[in-house]
Amino acid sequence: FTETPASIAIIPMRGKETFGVLVLPSAHPTRFYPGMGTMFLTRIGELVSASLLRYIN
């Protein structure tokens, strides 16, 4: 990312405990905002976590 992001989403990577975060930056100021629904972002976190845990454990 070559410019300062205007908005970001930070998604925890979890198994039995949190083991990292996935950060999604955007140049668009309204891409991610506090009142936004999080169901899709939560699901992304679950899928990425499950995929990574296969290699960690």
PDB file of N, CA and C in Angstrom:
ATOM      1  N   PHE A   1       0.862  -1.166   0.000  1.00  0.00           N
ATOM      2  CA  PHE A   1       0.000   0.000   0.000  1.00  0.00           C
ATOM      3  C   PHE A   1       0.899   1.216   0.000  1.00  0.00           C
ATOM      4  N   THR A   2       0.837   2.045  -1.006  1.00  0.00           N
ATOM      5  CA  THR A   2       1.787   3.147  -1.149  1.00  0.00           C
ATOM      6  C   THR A   2       1.293   4.469  -0.590  1.00  0.00           C
ATOM      7  N   GLU A   3       0.055   4.534  -0.182  1.00  0.00           N
ATOM      8  CA  GLU A   3      -0.477   5.778   0.378  1.00  0.00           C
ATOM      9  C   GLU A   3      -1.089   5.495   1.744  1.00  0.00           C
ATOM     10  N   THR A   4      -1.309   6.550   2.503  1.00  0.00           N
ATOM     11  CA  THR A   4      -1.943   6.391   3.806  1.00  0.00           C
ATOM     12  C   THR A   4      -3.391   5.970   3.600  1.00  0.00           C
ATOM     13  N   PRO A   5      -3.820   4.874   4.228  1.00  0.00           N
ATOM     14  CA  PRO A   5      -5.208   4.431   4.034  1.00  0.00           C
ATOM     15  C   PRO A   5      -6.204   5.430   4.624  1.00  0.00           C
ATOM     16  N   ALA A   6      -7.322   5.591   3.943  1.00  0.00           N
ATOM     17  CA  ALA A   6      -8.381   6.482   4.422  1.00  0.00           C
ATOM     18  C   ALA A   6      -9.319   5.757   5.375  1.00  0.00           C
ATOM     19  N   SER A   7      -9.384   4.433   5.276  1.00  0.00           N
ATOM     20  CA  SER A   7     -10.167   3.619   6.211  1.00  0.00           C
ATOM     21  C   SER A   7      -9.536   2.232   6.263  1.00  0.00           C
ATOM     22  N   ILE A   8      -9.737   1.551   7.393  1.00  0.00           N
ATOM     23  CA  ILE A   8      -9.192   0.204   7.544  1.00  0.00           C
ATOM     24  C   ILE A   8     -10.179  -0.677   8.296  1.00  0.00           C
ATOM     25  N   ALA A   9     -10.061  -1.967   8.052  1.00  0.00           N
ATOM     26  CA  ALA A   9     -10.776  -2.969   8.848  1.00  0.00           C
ATOM     27  C   ALA A   9      -9.702  -3.855   9.464  1.00  0.00           C
ATOM     28  N   ILE A  10      -9.830  -4.131  10.755  1.00  0.00           N
ATOM     29  CA  ILE A  10      -8.892  -4.999  11.463  1.00  0.00           C
ATOM     30  C   ILE A  10      -9.679  -6.209  11.942  1.00  0.00           C
ATOM     31  N   ILE A  11      -9.301  -7.388  11.454  1.00  0.00           N
ATOM     32  CA  ILE A  11     -10.050  -8.615  11.718  1.00  0.00           C
ATOM     33  C   ILE A  11      -9.174  -9.565  12.527  1.00  0.00           C
ATOM     34  N   PRO A  12      -9.623  -9.982  13.710  1.00  0.00           N
ATOM     35  CA  PRO A  12      -8.807 -10.908  14.506  1.00  0.00           C
ATOM     36  C   PRO A  12      -8.773 -12.304  13.898  1.00  0.00           C
ATOM     37  N   MET A  13      -7.606 -12.937  13.992  1.00  0.00           N
ATOM     38  CA  MET A  13      -7.434 -14.330  13.595  1.00  0.00           C
ATOM     39  C   MET A  13      -7.493 -15.137  14.889  1.00  0.00           C
ATOM     40  N   ARG A  14      -8.461 -16.044  14.979  1.00  0.00           N
ATOM     41  CA  ARG A  14      -8.687 -16.748  16.231  1.00  0.00           C
ATOM     42  C   ARG A  14      -8.780 -18.246  16.037  1.00  0.00           C
ATOM     43  N   GLY A  15      -8.269 -18.944  17.044  1.00  0.00           N
ATOM     44  CA  GLY A  15      -8.480 -20.371  17.224  1.00  0.00           C
ATOM     45  C   GLY A  15      -9.034 -20.475  18.632  1.00  0.00           C
ATOM     46  N   LYS A  16      -8.303 -21.160  19.498  1.00  0.00           N
ATOM     47  CA  LYS A  16      -8.677 -21.161  20.915  1.00  0.00           C
ATOM     48  C   LYS A  16      -8.364 -19.803  21.529  1.00  0.00           C
ATOM     49  N   GLU A  17      -7.399 -19.105  20.951  1.00  0.00           N
ATOM     50  CA  GLU A  17      -7.076 -17.739  21.354  1.00  0.00           C
ATOM     51  C   GLU A  17      -6.692 -16.957  20.101  1.00  0.00           C
ATOM     52  N   THR A  18      -6.611 -15.655  20.227  1.00  0.00           N
ATOM     53  CA  THR A  18      -6.248 -14.815  19.087  1.00  0.00           C
ATOM     54  C   THR A  18      -4.773 -15.022  18.758  1.00  0.00           C
ATOM     55  N   PHE A  19      -4.449 -15.262  17.484  1.00  0.00           N
ATOM     56  CA  PHE A  19      -3.056 -15.483  17.103  1.00  0.00           C
ATOM     57  C   PHE A  19      -2.557 -14.484  16.065  1.00  0.00           C
ATOM     58  N   GLY A  20      -3.373 -13.515  15.695  1.00  0.00           N
ATOM     59  CA  GLY A  20      -2.952 -12.504  14.737  1.00  0.00           C
ATOM     60  C   GLY A  20      -4.125 -11.663  14.280  1.00  0.00           C
ATOM     61  N   VAL A  21      -3.860 -10.751  13.360  1.00  0.00           N
ATOM     62  CA  VAL A  21      -4.911  -9.914  12.790  1.00  0.00           C
ATOM     63  C   VAL A  21      -4.720  -9.820  11.280  1.00  0.00           C
ATOM     64  N   LEU A  22      -5.812  -9.641  10.593  1.00  0.00           N
ATOM     65  CA  LEU A  22      -5.814  -9.373   9.165  1.00  0.00           C
ATOM     66  C   LEU A  22      -6.220  -7.912   9.024  1.00  0.00           C
ATOM     67  N   VAL A  23      -5.384  -7.113   8.374  1.00  0.00           N
ATOM     68  CA  VAL A  23      -5.660  -5.685   8.216  1.00  0.00           C
ATOM     69  C   VAL A  23      -5.986  -5.419   6.752  1.00  0.00           C
ATOM     70  N   LEU A  24      -7.144  -4.818   6.518  1.00  0.00           N
ATOM     71  CA  LEU A  24      -7.582  -4.478   5.165  1.00  0.00           C
ATOM     72  C   LEU A  24      -7.619  -2.957   5.025  1.00  0.00           C
ATOM     73  N   PRO A  25      -6.645  -2.353   4.355  1.00  0.00           N
ATOM     74  CA  PRO A  25      -6.653  -0.903   4.158  1.00  0.00           C
ATOM     75  C   PRO A  25      -7.424  -0.530   2.889  1.00  0.00           C
ATOM     76  N   SER A  26      -7.928   0.687   2.872  1.00  0.00           N
ATOM     77  CA  SER A  26      -8.607   1.189   1.680  1.00  0.00           C
ATOM     78  C   SER A  26      -8.296   2.671   1.492  1.00  0.00           C
ATOM     79  N   ALA A  27      -8.144   3.075   0.256  1.00  0.00           N
ATOM     80  CA  ALA A  27      -7.948   4.484  -0.068  1.00  0.00           C
ATOM     81  C   ALA A  27      -9.259   5.261   0.006  1.00  0.00           C
ATOM     82  N   HIS A  28     -10.380   4.545   0.046  1.00  0.00           N
ATOM     83  CA  HIS A  28     -11.695   5.179   0.091  1.00  0.00           C
ATOM     84  C   HIS A  28     -12.120   5.405   1.542  1.00  0.00           C
ATOM     85  N   PRO A  29     -12.426   6.642   1.930  1.00  0.00           N
ATOM     86  CA  PRO A  29     -12.754   6.935   3.328  1.00  0.00           C
ATOM     87  C   PRO A  29     -14.031   6.276   3.838  1.00  0.00           C
ATOM     88  N   THR A  30     -14.926   5.904   2.953  1.00  0.00           N
ATOM     89  CA  THR A  30     -16.182   5.296   3.414  1.00  0.00           C
ATOM     90  C   THR A  30     -16.245   3.787   3.162  1.00  0.00           C
ATOM     91  N   ARG A  31     -15.123   3.171   2.773  1.00  0.00           N
ATOM     92  CA  ARG A  31     -15.121   1.721   2.541  1.00  0.00           C
ATOM     93  C   ARG A  31     -15.423   0.980   3.846  1.00  0.00           C
ATOM     94  N   PHE A  32     -14.759   1.377   4.933  1.00  0.00           N
ATOM     95  CA  PHE A  32     -14.985   0.804   6.261  1.00  0.00           C
ATOM     96  C   PHE A  32     -15.307   1.949   7.209  1.00  0.00           C
ATOM     97  N   TYR A  33     -16.362   1.815   7.995  1.00  0.00           N
ATOM     98  CA  TYR A  33     -16.748   2.867   8.937  1.00  0.00           C
ATOM     99  C   TYR A  33     -17.379   2.226  10.166  1.00  0.00           C
ATOM    100  N   PRO A  34     -17.396   2.939  11.308  1.00  0.00           N
ATOM    101  CA  PRO A  34     -17.828   2.349  12.581  1.00  0.00           C
ATOM    102  C   PRO A  34     -19.224   1.728  12.581  1.00  0.00           C
ATOM    103  N   GLY A  35     -20.190   2.293  11.891  1.00  0.00           N
ATOM    104  CA  GLY A  35     -21.550   1.767  11.909  1.00  0.00           C
ATOM    105  C   GLY A  35     -21.808   0.664  10.894  1.00  0.00           C
ATOM    106  N   MET A  36     -20.779   0.243  10.202  1.00  0.00           N
ATOM    107  CA  MET A  36     -20.909  -0.748   9.135  1.00  0.00           C
ATOM    108  C   MET A  36     -21.188  -2.138   9.702  1.00  0.00           C
ATOM    109  N   GLY A  37     -21.979  -2.920   9.001  1.00  0.00           N
ATOM    110  CA  GLY A  37     -22.204  -4.308   9.398  1.00  0.00           C
ATOM    111  C   GLY A  37     -20.900  -5.092   9.304  1.00  0.00           C
ATOM    112  N   THR A  38     -20.741  -6.065  10.177  1.00  0.00           N
ATOM    113  CA  THR A  38     -19.474  -6.794  10.228  1.00  0.00           C
ATOM    114  C   THR A  38     -19.612  -8.284   9.905  1.00  0.00           C
ATOM    115  N   MET A  39     -20.776  -8.737   9.508  1.00  0.00           N
ATOM    116  CA  MET A  39     -20.985 -10.161   9.269  1.00  0.00           C
ATOM    117  C   MET A  39     -20.016 -10.711   8.207  1.00  0.00           C
ATOM    118  N   PHE A  40     -19.854 -10.018   7.102  1.00  0.00           N
ATOM    119  CA  PHE A  40     -18.963 -10.472   6.035  1.00  0.00           C
ATOM    120  C   PHE A  40     -17.508 -10.463   6.494  1.00  0.00           C
ATOM    121  N   LEU A  41     -17.089  -9.394   7.183  1.00  0.00           N
ATOM    122  CA  LEU A  41     -15.713  -9.317   7.677  1.00  0.00           C
ATOM    123  C   LEU A  41     -15.449 -10.397   8.721  1.00  0.00           C
ATOM    124  N   THR A  42     -16.421 -10.669   9.575  1.00  0.00           N
ATOM    125  CA  THR A  42     -16.284 -11.734  10.574  1.00  0.00           C
ATOM    126  C   THR A  42     -16.105 -13.074   9.887  1.00  0.00           C
ATOM    127  N   ARG A  43     -16.871 -13.325   8.856  1.00  0.00           N
ATOM    128  CA  ARG A  43     -16.770 -14.598   8.127  1.00  0.00           C
ATOM    129  C   ARG A  43     -15.406 -14.730   7.449  1.00  0.00           C
ATOM    130  N   ILE A  44     -14.906 -13.647   6.876  1.00  0.00           N
ATOM    131  CA  ILE A  44     -13.559 -13.673   6.295  1.00  0.00           C
ATOM    132  C   ILE A  44     -12.545 -14.066   7.367  1.00  0.00           C
ATOM    133  N   GLY A  45     -12.663 -13.481   8.554  1.00  0.00           N
ATOM    134  CA  GLY A  45     -11.766 -13.816   9.654  1.00  0.00           C
ATOM    135  C   GLY A  45     -11.840 -15.279  10.034  1.00  0.00           C
ATOM    136  N   GLU A  46     -13.039 -15.831  10.074  1.00  0.00           N
ATOM    137  CA  GLU A  46     -13.216 -17.246  10.413  1.00  0.00           C
ATOM    138  C   GLU A  46     -12.571 -18.154   9.365  1.00  0.00           C
ATOM    139  N   LEU A  47     -12.787 -17.831   8.097  1.00  0.00           N
ATOM    140  CA  LEU A  47     -12.241 -18.663   7.017  1.00  0.00           C
ATOM    141  C   LEU A  47     -10.717 -18.595   6.946  1.00  0.00           C
ATOM    142  N   VAL A  48     -10.169 -17.397   7.058  1.00  0.00           N
ATOM    143  CA  VAL A  48      -8.713 -17.248   7.022  1.00  0.00           C
ATOM    144  C   VAL A  48      -8.089 -17.916   8.241  1.00  0.00           C
ATOM    145  N   SER A  49      -8.701 -17.744   9.413  1.00  0.00           N
ATOM    146  CA  SER A  49      -8.197 -18.381  10.635  1.00  0.00           C
ATOM    147  C   SER A  49      -8.170 -19.896  10.488  1.00  0.00           C
ATOM    148  N   ALA A  50      -9.259 -20.471  10.019  1.00  0.00           N
ATOM    149  CA  ALA A  50      -9.334 -21.925   9.853  1.00  0.00           C
ATOM    150  C   ALA A  50      -8.270 -22.420   8.878  1.00  0.00           C
ATOM    151  N   SER A  51      -8.052 -21.682   7.808  1.00  0.00           N
ATOM    152  CA  SER A  51      -7.035 -22.074   6.829  1.00  0.00           C
ATOM    153  C   SER A  51      -5.634 -22.022   7.426  1.00  0.00           C
ATOM    154  N   LEU A  52      -5.329 -20.961   8.157  1.00  0.00           N
ATOM    155  CA  LEU A  52      -3.997 -20.821   8.745  1.00  0.00           C
ATOM    156  C   LEU A  52      -3.752 -21.813   9.869  1.00  0.00           C
ATOM    157  N   LEU A  53      -4.777 -22.121  10.648  1.00  0.00           N
ATOM    158  CA  LEU A  53      -4.610 -23.043  11.774  1.00  0.00           C
ATOM    159  C   LEU A  53      -4.196 -24.440  11.320  1.00  0.00           C
ATOM    160  N   ARG A  54      -4.565 -24.824  10.119  1.00  0.00           N
ATOM    161  CA  ARG A  54      -4.136 -26.132   9.597  1.00  0.00           C
ATOM    162  C   ARG A  54      -2.619 -26.206   9.477  1.00  0.00           C
ATOM    163  N   TYR A  55      -1.977 -25.070   9.207  1.00  0.00           N
ATOM    164  CA  TYR A  55      -0.521 -25.042   9.058  1.00  0.00           C
ATOM    165  C   TYR A  55       0.195 -24.749  10.371  1.00  0.00           C
ATOM    166  N   ILE A  56      -0.478 -24.067  11.281  1.00  0.00           N
ATOM    167  CA  ILE A  56       0.129 -23.711  12.568  1.00  0.00           C
ATOM    168  C   ILE A  56       0.154 -24.908  13.501  1.00  0.00           C
ATOM    169  N   ASN A  57      -0.939 -25.672  13.529  1.00  0.00           N
ATOM    170  CA  ASN A  57      -1.047 -26.800  14.473  1.00  0.00           C
ATOM    171  C   ASN A  57      -0.433 -28.063  13.932  1.00  0.00           C
TER     172      ASN A  57
END
